[in-house]
PDB file of all heavy atoms in Angstrom:
ATOM      1  N   MET A   1     250.933 202.358  54.817  1.00  0.00           N
ATOM      2  CA  MET A   1     251.382 200.959  54.641  1.00  0.00           C
ATOM      3  C   MET A   1     252.808 201.006  54.118  1.00  0.00           C
ATOM      4  O   MET A   1     253.222 201.895  53.589  1.00  0.00           O
ATOM      5  CB  MET A   1     250.414 200.179  53.823  1.00  0.00           C
ATOM      6  CG  MET A   1     249.186 200.032  54.460  1.00  0.00           C
ATOM      7  SD  MET A   1     247.914 199.273  53.270  1.00  0.00           S
ATOM      8  CE  MET A   1     248.681 197.534  53.057  1.00  0.00           C
ATOM      9  N   GLY A   2     253.487 199.942  54.267  1.00  0.00           N
ATOM     10  CA  GLY A   2     254.898 199.723  53.702  1.00  0.00           C
ATOM     11  C   GLY A   2     254.822 199.256  52.253  1.00  0.00           C
ATOM     12  O   GLY A   2     253.779 198.795  51.731  1.00  0.00           O
ATOM     13  N   ASN A   3     255.917 199.382  51.617  1.00  0.00           N
ATOM     14  CA  ASN A   3     255.959 198.988  50.111  1.00  0.00           C
ATOM     15  C   ASN A   3     255.496 197.581  49.877  1.00  0.00           C
ATOM     16  O   ASN A   3     255.049 197.212  48.774  1.00  0.00           O
ATOM     17  CB  ASN A   3     257.352 199.361  49.512  1.00  0.00           C
ATOM     18  CG  ASN A   3     257.499 200.855  49.301  1.00  0.00           C
ATOM     19  OD1 ASN A   3     256.647 201.602  49.016  1.00  0.00           O
ATOM     20  ND2 ASN A   3     258.704 201.309  49.554  1.00  0.00           N
ATOM     21  N   ASP A   4     255.966 196.635  50.709  1.00  0.00           N
ATOM     22  CA  ASP A   4     255.536 195.292  50.493  1.00  0.00           C
ATOM     23  C   ASP A   4     254.058 195.108  50.356  1.00  0.00           C
ATOM     24  O   ASP A   4     253.548 194.513  49.440  1.00  0.00           O
ATOM     25  CB  ASP A   4     256.084 194.303  51.659  1.00  0.00           C
ATOM     26  CG  ASP A   4     257.539 194.052  51.557  1.00  0.00           C
ATOM     27  OD1 ASP A   4     258.116 194.343  50.492  1.00  0.00           O
ATOM     28  OD2 ASP A   4     258.112 193.352  52.367  1.00  0.00           O
ATOM     29  N   ASP A   5     253.380 195.649  51.245  1.00  0.00           N
ATOM     30  CA  ASP A   5     251.881 195.497  51.342  1.00  0.00           C
ATOM     31  C   ASP A   5     251.228 196.389  50.216  1.00  0.00           C
ATOM     32  O   ASP A   5     250.272 195.984  49.615  1.00  0.00           O
ATOM     33  CB  ASP A   5     251.339 196.109  52.709  1.00  0.00           C
ATOM     34  CG  ASP A   5     251.771 195.253  53.931  1.00  0.00           C
ATOM     35  OD1 ASP A   5     251.969 194.028  53.689  1.00  0.00           O
ATOM     36  OD2 ASP A   5     252.100 195.671  54.982  1.00  0.00           O
ATOM     37  N   ILE A   6     251.713 197.529  49.890  1.00  0.00           N
ATOM     38  CA  ILE A   6     251.218 198.337  48.845  1.00  0.00           C
ATOM     39  C   ILE A   6     251.419 197.586  47.485  1.00  0.00           C
ATOM     40  O   ILE A   6     250.510 197.549  46.682  1.00  0.00           O
ATOM     41  CB  ILE A   6     251.982 199.789  48.755  1.00  0.00           C
ATOM     42  CG1 ILE A   6     251.599 200.562  50.051  1.00  0.00           C
ATOM     43  CG2 ILE A   6     251.673 200.459  47.528  1.00  0.00           C
ATOM     44  CD1 ILE A   6     252.449 201.816  50.089  1.00  0.00           C
ATOM     45  N   MET A   7     252.634 197.101  47.138  1.00  0.00           N
ATOM     46  CA  MET A   7     252.765 196.463  45.879  1.00  0.00           C
ATOM     47  C   MET A   7     252.092 195.104  45.712  1.00  0.00           C
ATOM     48  O   MET A   7     251.604 194.862  44.686  1.00  0.00           O
ATOM     49  CB  MET A   7     254.273 196.200  45.656  1.00  0.00           C
ATOM     50  CG  MET A   7     255.088 197.519  45.398  1.00  0.00           C
ATOM     51  SD  MET A   7     254.356 198.434  44.110  1.00  0.00           S
ATOM     52  CE  MET A   7     255.126 199.998  44.229  1.00  0.00           C
ATOM     53  N   ARG A   8     251.921 194.479  46.926  1.00  0.00           N
ATOM     54  CA  ARG A   8     251.030 193.237  46.782  1.00  0.00           C
ATOM     55  C   ARG A   8     249.668 193.653  46.556  1.00  0.00           C
ATOM     56  O   ARG A   8     248.903 192.875  45.780  1.00  0.00           O
ATOM     57  CB  ARG A   8     251.118 192.611  48.113  1.00  0.00           C
ATOM     58  CG  ARG A   8     250.333 191.241  48.283  1.00  0.00           C
ATOM     59  CD  ARG A   8     250.451 190.611  49.676  1.00  0.00           C
ATOM     60  NE  ARG A   8     251.834 190.346  50.127  1.00  0.00           N
ATOM     61  CZ  ARG A   8     252.393 190.968  51.056  1.00  0.00           C
ATOM     62  NH1 ARG A   8     251.746 191.826  51.761  1.00  0.00           N
ATOM     63  NH2 ARG A   8     253.653 190.558  51.427  1.00  0.00           N
ATOM     64  N   ALA A   9     249.129 194.610  47.117  1.00  0.00           N
ATOM     65  CA  ALA A   9     247.802 195.120  46.917  1.00  0.00           C
ATOM     66  C   ALA A   9     247.619 195.554  45.498  1.00  0.00           C
ATOM     67  O   ALA A   9     246.589 195.276  44.841  1.00  0.00           O
ATOM     68  CB  ALA A   9     247.351 196.200  47.787  1.00  0.00           C
ATOM     69  N   LEU A  10     248.518 196.319  44.897  1.00  0.00           N
ATOM     70  CA  LEU A  10     248.399 196.749  43.588  1.00  0.00           C
ATOM     71  C   LEU A  10     248.380 195.673  42.451  1.00  0.00           C
ATOM     72  O   LEU A  10     247.741 195.679  41.511  1.00  0.00           O
ATOM     73  CB  LEU A  10     249.491 197.743  43.322  1.00  0.00           C
ATOM     74  CG  LEU A  10     249.402 199.194  44.056  1.00  0.00           C
ATOM     75  CD1 LEU A  10     250.672 199.949  43.632  1.00  0.00           C
ATOM     76  CD2 LEU A  10     248.119 199.977  43.599  1.00  0.00           C
ATOM     77  N   PHE A  11     249.380 194.822  42.659  1.00  0.00           N
ATOM     78  CA  PHE A  11     249.417 193.712  41.658  1.00  0.00           C
ATOM     79  C   PHE A  11     248.550 192.459  42.009  1.00  0.00           C
ATOM     80  O   PHE A  11     248.493 191.546  41.078  1.00  0.00           O
ATOM     81  CB  PHE A  11     250.913 193.264  41.608  1.00  0.00           C
ATOM     82  CG  PHE A  11     251.913 194.176  40.916  1.00  0.00           C
ATOM     83  CD1 PHE A  11     252.413 195.095  41.562  1.00  0.00           C
ATOM     84  CD2 PHE A  11     252.177 193.929  39.626  1.00  0.00           C
ATOM     85  CE1 PHE A  11     253.278 196.040  40.814  1.00  0.00           C
ATOM     86  CE2 PHE A  11     252.987 194.856  38.825  1.00  0.00           C
ATOM     87  CZ  PHE A  11     253.433 195.883  39.556  1.00  0.00           C
ATOM     88  N   GLY A  12     247.989 192.427  43.178  1.00  0.00           N
ATOM     89  CA  GLY A  12     247.015 191.395  43.489  1.00  0.00           C
ATOM     90  C   GLY A  12     247.662 190.118  43.897  1.00  0.00           C
ATOM     91  O   GLY A  12     247.027 189.113  43.788  1.00  0.00           O
ATOM     92  N   ARG A  13     248.962 190.066  44.149  1.00  0.00           N
ATOM     93  CA  ARG A  13     249.655 188.866  44.564  1.00  0.00           C
ATOM     94  C   ARG A  13     250.994 189.171  45.257  1.00  0.00           C
ATOM     95  O   ARG A  13     251.516 190.356  45.166  1.00  0.00           O
ATOM     96  CB  ARG A  13     249.971 188.004  43.262  1.00  0.00           C
ATOM     97  CG  ARG A  13     251.058 188.738  42.277  1.00  0.00           C
ATOM     98  CD  ARG A  13     251.244 187.855  41.037  1.00  0.00           C
ATOM     99  NE  ARG A  13     252.307 188.469  40.254  1.00  0.00           N
ATOM    100  CZ  ARG A  13     252.265 189.417  39.491  1.00  0.00           C
ATOM    101  NH1 ARG A  13     251.201 190.042  39.203  1.00  0.00           N
ATOM    102  NH2 ARG A  13     253.353 189.880  38.709  1.00  0.00           N
ATOM    103  N   PRO A  14     251.615 188.345  45.929  1.00  0.00           N
ATOM    104  CA  PRO A  14     252.831 188.533  46.594  1.00  0.00           C
ATOM    105  C   PRO A  14     253.940 188.625  45.527  1.00  0.00           C
ATOM    106  O   PRO A  14     253.799 188.016  44.464  1.00  0.00           O
ATOM    107  CB  PRO A  14     253.095 187.232  47.527  1.00  0.00           C
ATOM    108  CG  PRO A  14     251.810 186.743  47.771  1.00  0.00           C
ATOM    109  CD  PRO A  14     250.982 187.021  46.479  1.00  0.00           C
ATOM    110  N   LEU A  15     254.931 189.538  45.674  1.00  0.00           N
ATOM    111  CA  LEU A  15     255.987 189.706  44.693  1.00  0.00           C
ATOM    112  C   LEU A  15     257.341 189.357  45.422  1.00  0.00           C
ATOM    113  O   LEU A  15     257.508 189.616  46.604  1.00  0.00           O
ATOM    114  CB  LEU A  15     256.019 191.203  44.242  1.00  0.00           C
ATOM    115  CG  LEU A  15     254.778 191.622  43.565  1.00  0.00           C
ATOM    116  CD1 LEU A  15     254.938 193.107  43.406  1.00  0.00           C
ATOM    117  CD2 LEU A  15     254.771 191.068  42.183  1.00  0.00           C
ATOM    118  N   PRO A  16     258.209 188.900  44.661  1.00  0.00           N
ATOM    119  CA  PRO A  16     259.565 188.738  45.101  1.00  0.00           C
ATOM    120  C   PRO A  16     260.180 189.968  45.598  1.00  0.00           C
ATOM    121  O   PRO A  16     259.848 191.004  45.053  1.00  0.00           O
ATOM    122  CB  PRO A  16     260.398 188.229  43.919  1.00  0.00           C
ATOM    123  CG  PRO A  16     259.389 187.664  43.000  1.00  0.00           C
ATOM    124  CD  PRO A  16     258.228 188.462  43.210  1.00  0.00           C
ATOM    125  N   ALA A  17     261.067 189.946  46.622  1.00  0.00           N
ATOM    126  CA  ALA A  17     261.630 191.041  47.292  1.00  0.00           C
ATOM    127  C   ALA A  17     262.229 192.073  46.254  1.00  0.00           C
ATOM    128  O   ALA A  17     262.255 193.255  46.295  1.00  0.00           O
ATOM    129  CB  ALA A  17     262.545 190.763  48.357  1.00  0.00           C
ATOM    130  N   GLU A  18     262.950 191.388  45.242  1.00  0.00           N
ATOM    131  CA  GLU A  18     263.636 192.245  44.300  1.00  0.00           C
ATOM    132  C   GLU A  18     262.706 193.012  43.479  1.00  0.00           C
ATOM    133  O   GLU A  18     262.959 194.262  43.074  1.00  0.00           O
ATOM    134  CB  GLU A  18     264.621 191.441  43.437  1.00  0.00           C
ATOM    135  CG  GLU A  18     263.961 190.447  42.573  1.00  0.00           C
ATOM    136  CD  GLU A  18     263.950 188.980  43.454  1.00  0.00           C
ATOM    137  OE1 GLU A  18     264.002 189.053  44.624  1.00  0.00           O
ATOM    138  OE2 GLU A  18     264.041 187.928  42.773  1.00  0.00           O
ATOM    139  N   ASP A  19     261.491 192.509  43.125  1.00  0.00           N
ATOM    140  CA  ASP A  19     260.439 193.170  42.280  1.00  0.00           C
ATOM    141  C   ASP A  19     259.840 194.214  43.250  1.00  0.00           C
ATOM    142  O   ASP A  19     259.653 195.404  42.678  1.00  0.00           O
ATOM    143  CB  ASP A  19     259.376 192.182  41.858  1.00  0.00           C
ATOM    144  CG  ASP A  19     259.855 191.249  40.742  1.00  0.00           C
ATOM    145  OD1 ASP A  19     260.958 191.589  40.203  1.00  0.00           O
ATOM    146  OD2 ASP A  19     259.167 190.320  40.440  1.00  0.00           O
ATOM    147  N   VAL A  20     259.547 193.956  44.419  1.00  0.00           N
ATOM    148  CA  VAL A  20     259.020 195.057  45.310  1.00  0.00           C
ATOM    149  C   VAL A  20     260.001 196.251  45.330  1.00  0.00           C
ATOM    150  O   VAL A  20     259.546 197.516  45.254  1.00  0.00           O
ATOM    151  CB  VAL A  20     258.826 194.509  46.757  1.00  0.00           C
ATOM    152  CG1 VAL A  20     258.502 195.561  47.714  1.00  0.00           C
ATOM    153  CG2 VAL A  20     257.748 193.479  46.822  1.00  0.00           C
ATOM    154  N   ASP A  21     261.262 195.962  45.543  1.00  0.00           N
ATOM    155  CA  ASP A  21     262.245 197.091  45.679  1.00  0.00           C
ATOM    156  C   ASP A  21     262.352 197.764  44.367  1.00  0.00           C
ATOM    157  O   ASP A  21     262.288 199.132  44.432  1.00  0.00           O
ATOM    158  CB  ASP A  21     263.723 196.320  45.850  1.00  0.00           C
ATOM    159  CG  ASP A  21     264.782 197.481  46.122  1.00  0.00           C
ATOM    160  OD1 ASP A  21     264.606 198.292  46.955  1.00  0.00           O
ATOM    161  OD2 ASP A  21     265.575 197.497  45.219  1.00  0.00           O
ATOM    162  N   ARG A  22     262.317 197.174  43.198  1.00  0.00           N
ATOM    163  CA  ARG A  22     262.346 197.806  41.792  1.00  0.00           C
ATOM    164  C   ARG A  22     261.114 198.681  41.714  1.00  0.00           C
ATOM    165  O   ARG A  22     261.215 199.826  41.181  1.00  0.00           O
ATOM    166  CB  ARG A  22     262.598 196.751  40.774  1.00  0.00           C
ATOM    167  CG  ARG A  22     262.544 197.292  39.366  1.00  0.00           C
ATOM    168  CD  ARG A  22     263.092 196.362  38.347  1.00  0.00           C
ATOM    169  NE  ARG A  22     262.332 195.054  38.425  1.00  0.00           N
ATOM    170  CZ  ARG A  22     261.185 194.741  37.667  1.00  0.00           C
ATOM    171  NH1 ARG A  22     260.680 195.770  36.878  1.00  0.00           N
ATOM    172  NH2 ARG A  22     260.674 193.720  37.854  1.00  0.00           N
ATOM    173  N   TYR A  23     259.936 198.091  41.743  1.00  0.00           N
ATOM    174  CA  TYR A  23     258.772 198.809  41.597  1.00  0.00           C
ATOM    175  C   TYR A  23     258.617 199.998  42.593  1.00  0.00           C
ATOM    176  O   TYR A  23     258.174 201.083  42.160  1.00  0.00           O
ATOM    177  CB  TYR A  23     257.578 197.817  41.738  1.00  0.00           C
ATOM    178  CG  TYR A  23     257.407 196.833  40.705  1.00  0.00           C
ATOM    179  CD1 TYR A  23     256.944 195.589  40.988  1.00  0.00           C
ATOM    180  CD2 TYR A  23     257.524 197.187  39.329  1.00  0.00           C
ATOM    181  CE1 TYR A  23     256.830 194.540  39.912  1.00  0.00           C
ATOM    182  CE2 TYR A  23     257.392 196.241  38.315  1.00  0.00           C
ATOM    183  CZ  TYR A  23     257.097 194.851  38.652  1.00  0.00           C
ATOM    184  OH  TYR A  23     256.954 194.024  37.695  1.00  0.00           O
ATOM    185  N   SER A  24     258.961 199.789  43.809  1.00  0.00           N
ATOM    186  CA  SER A  24     258.901 200.948  44.768  1.00  0.00           C
ATOM    187  C   SER A  24     259.796 201.984  44.337  1.00  0.00           C
ATOM    188  O   SER A  24     259.291 203.145  44.501  1.00  0.00           O
ATOM    189  CB  SER A  24     259.198 200.305  46.140  1.00  0.00           C
ATOM    190  OG  SER A  24     258.353 199.253  46.549  1.00  0.00           O
ATOM    191  N   LYS A  25     261.095 201.883  44.047  1.00  0.00           N
ATOM    192  CA  LYS A  25     261.846 202.810  43.644  1.00  0.00           C
ATOM    193  C   LYS A  25     261.383 203.612  42.423  1.00  0.00           C
ATOM    194  O   LYS A  25     261.546 204.724  42.289  1.00  0.00           O
ATOM    195  CB  LYS A  25     263.363 202.174  43.391  1.00  0.00           C
ATOM    196  CG  LYS A  25     263.978 201.840  44.676  1.00  0.00           C
ATOM    197  CD  LYS A  25     265.307 201.242  44.443  1.00  0.00           C
ATOM    198  CE  LYS A  25     266.136 200.781  45.694  1.00  0.00           C
ATOM    199  NZ  LYS A  25     267.449 200.213  45.421  1.00  0.00           N
ATOM    200  N   GLU A  26     260.818 202.783  41.544  1.00  0.00           N
ATOM    201  CA  GLU A  26     260.260 203.451  40.354  1.00  0.00           C
ATOM    202  C   GLU A  26     259.111 204.455  40.578  1.00  0.00           C
ATOM    203  O   GLU A  26     259.148 205.441  40.218  1.00  0.00           O
ATOM    204  CB  GLU A  26     259.684 202.384  39.305  1.00  0.00           C
ATOM    205  CG  GLU A  26     259.222 202.966  37.904  1.00  0.00           C
ATOM    206  CD  GLU A  26     258.901 201.880  37.019  1.00  0.00           C
ATOM    207  OE1 GLU A  26     259.103 200.701  37.242  1.00  0.00           O
ATOM    208  OE2 GLU A  26     258.268 202.115  35.951  1.00  0.00           O
ATOM    209  N   LYS A  27     258.161 203.949  41.442  1.00  0.00           N
ATOM    210  CA  LYS A  27     257.041 204.818  41.830  1.00  0.00           C
ATOM    211  C   LYS A  27     257.444 205.879  42.593  1.00  0.00           C
ATOM    212  O   LYS A  27     257.030 207.142  42.369  1.00  0.00           O
ATOM    213  CB  LYS A  27     256.031 203.910  42.655  1.00  0.00           C
ATOM    214  CG  LYS A  27     254.706 204.738  43.013  1.00  0.00           C
ATOM    215  CD  LYS A  27     254.934 205.366  44.497  1.00  0.00           C
ATOM    216  CE  LYS A  27     253.935 206.280  44.743  1.00  0.00           C
ATOM    217  NZ  LYS A  27     254.128 206.902  46.047  1.00  0.00           N
ATOM    218  N   GLU A  28     258.373 205.823  43.594  1.00  0.00           N
ATOM    219  CA  GLU A  28     258.877 206.997  44.340  1.00  0.00           C
ATOM    220  C   GLU A  28     259.655 208.030  43.575  1.00  0.00           C
ATOM    221  O   GLU A  28     259.678 209.246  43.749  1.00  0.00           O
ATOM    222  CB  GLU A  28     259.678 206.443  45.587  1.00  0.00           C
ATOM    223  CG  GLU A  28     258.954 205.521  46.460  1.00  0.00           C
ATOM    224  CD  GLU A  28     257.657 206.197  46.859  1.00  0.00           C
ATOM    225  OE1 GLU A  28     257.384 207.323  46.854  1.00  0.00           O
ATOM    226  OE2 GLU A  28     256.754 205.435  47.465  1.00  0.00           O
ATOM    227  N   LYS A  29     260.310 207.456  42.452  1.00  0.00           N
ATOM    228  CA  LYS A  29     261.001 208.325  41.600  1.00  0.00           C
ATOM    229  C   LYS A  29     259.975 209.277  40.913  1.00  0.00           C
ATOM    230  O   LYS A  29     260.264 210.442  40.637  1.00  0.00           O
ATOM    231  CB  LYS A  29     261.947 207.570  40.640  1.00  0.00           C
ATOM    232  CG  LYS A  29     262.734 208.387  39.641  1.00  0.00           C
ATOM    233  CD  LYS A  29     263.677 207.636  38.871  1.00  0.00           C
ATOM    234  CE  LYS A  29     264.546 208.488  37.935  1.00  0.00           C
ATOM    235  NZ  LYS A  29     263.852 209.169  36.889  1.00  0.00           N
ATOM    236  N   ILE A  30     258.947 208.669  40.449  1.00  0.00           N
ATOM    237  CA  ILE A  30     257.906 209.450  39.800  1.00  0.00           C
ATOM    238  C   ILE A  30     257.265 210.555  40.812  1.00  0.00           C
ATOM    239  O   ILE A  30     257.180 211.708  40.486  1.00  0.00           O
ATOM    240  CB  ILE A  30     256.682 208.547  39.467  1.00  0.00           C
ATOM    241  CG1 ILE A  30     257.194 207.537  38.297  1.00  0.00           C
ATOM    242  CG2 ILE A  30     255.492 209.321  38.876  1.00  0.00           C
ATOM    243  CD1 ILE A  30     256.157 206.423  38.111  1.00  0.00           C
ATOM    244  N   TYR A  31     257.102 210.091  42.090  1.00  0.00           N
ATOM    245  CA  TYR A  31     256.621 211.004  43.080  1.00  0.00           C
ATOM    246  C   TYR A  31     257.595 212.155  43.313  1.00  0.00           C
ATOM    247  O   TYR A  31     257.183 213.292  43.271  1.00  0.00           O
ATOM    248  CB  TYR A  31     256.506 210.289  44.377  1.00  0.00           C
ATOM    249  CG  TYR A  31     256.475 211.020  45.576  1.00  0.00           C
ATOM    250  CD1 TYR A  31     255.438 211.762  45.966  1.00  0.00           C
ATOM    251  CD2 TYR A  31     257.683 211.082  46.356  1.00  0.00           C
ATOM    252  CE1 TYR A  31     255.481 212.551  47.248  1.00  0.00           C
ATOM    253  CE2 TYR A  31     257.804 211.733  47.630  1.00  0.00           C
ATOM    254  CZ  TYR A  31     256.716 212.560  48.035  1.00  0.00           C
ATOM    255  OH  TYR A  31     256.657 213.228  49.095  1.00  0.00           O
ATOM    256  N   ARG A  32     258.884 211.962  43.388  1.00  0.00           N
ATOM    257  CA  ARG A  32     259.781 213.010  43.570  1.00  0.00           C
ATOM    258  C   ARG A  32     259.863 213.958  42.406  1.00  0.00           C
ATOM    259  O   ARG A  32     260.041 215.204  42.582  1.00  0.00           O
ATOM    260  CB  ARG A  32     261.260 212.431  43.976  1.00  0.00           C
ATOM    261  CG  ARG A  32     261.267 211.708  45.200  1.00  0.00           C
ATOM    262  CD  ARG A  32     262.650 211.478  45.747  1.00  0.00           C
ATOM    263  NE  ARG A  32     263.370 210.584  44.835  1.00  0.00           N
ATOM    264  CZ  ARG A  32     263.361 209.294  44.934  1.00  0.00           C
ATOM    265  NH1 ARG A  32     262.665 208.716  45.843  1.00  0.00           N
ATOM    266  NH2 ARG A  32     264.042 208.501  44.146  1.00  0.00           N
ATOM    267  N   GLU A  33     259.731 213.415  41.244  1.00  0.00           N
ATOM    268  CA  GLU A  33     259.837 214.296  40.106  1.00  0.00           C
ATOM    269  C   GLU A  33     258.581 215.299  39.952  1.00  0.00           C
ATOM    270  O   GLU A  33     258.667 216.442  39.657  1.00  0.00           O
ATOM    271  CB  GLU A  33     259.887 213.471  38.735  1.00  0.00           C
ATOM    272  CG  GLU A  33     261.252 212.664  38.637  1.00  0.00           C
ATOM    273  CD  GLU A  33     261.158 211.634  37.467  1.00  0.00           C
ATOM    274  OE1 GLU A  33     260.131 211.387  36.962  1.00  0.00           O
ATOM    275  OE2 GLU A  33     262.158 211.112  37.108  1.00  0.00           O
ATOM    276  N   ILE A  34     257.450 214.694  40.338  1.00  0.00           N
ATOM    277  CA  ILE A  34     256.096 215.499  40.369  1.00  0.00           C
ATOM    278  C   ILE A  34     256.226 216.519  41.447  1.00  0.00           C
ATOM    279  O   ILE A  34     255.961 217.746  41.252  1.00  0.00           O
ATOM    280  CB  ILE A  34     255.054 214.514  40.553  1.00  0.00           C
ATOM    281  CG1 ILE A  34     254.901 213.608  39.440  1.00  0.00           C
ATOM    282  CG2 ILE A  34     253.728 215.418  40.859  1.00  0.00           C
ATOM    283  CD1 ILE A  34     253.760 212.552  39.569  1.00  0.00           C
ATOM    284  N   PHE A  35     256.823 216.236  42.665  1.00  0.00           N
ATOM    285  CA  PHE A  35     256.663 217.051  43.736  1.00  0.00           C
ATOM    286  C   PHE A  35     257.721 218.188  43.802  1.00  0.00           C
ATOM    287  O   PHE A  35     257.609 218.958  44.712  1.00  0.00           O
ATOM    288  CB  PHE A  35     256.657 216.201  45.099  1.00  0.00           C
ATOM    289  CG  PHE A  35     256.069 216.714  46.294  1.00  0.00           C
ATOM    290  CD1 PHE A  35     255.086 217.717  46.226  1.00  0.00           C
ATOM    291  CD2 PHE A  35     256.494 216.267  47.622  1.00  0.00           C
ATOM    292  CE1 PHE A  35     254.511 218.123  47.391  1.00  0.00           C
ATOM    293  CE2 PHE A  35     255.921 216.847  48.695  1.00  0.00           C
ATOM    294  CZ  PHE A  35     254.798 217.734  48.542  1.00  0.00           C
TER     295      PHE A  35
END
């Protein structure tokens, strides 16, 4: 799925686009550091 749908599912509610972008970049930064 795309980040919009993923973050909506995780937070249990729709999020403003800027929040989706910020949270998505944060999570993917964690992923790249681990991988």
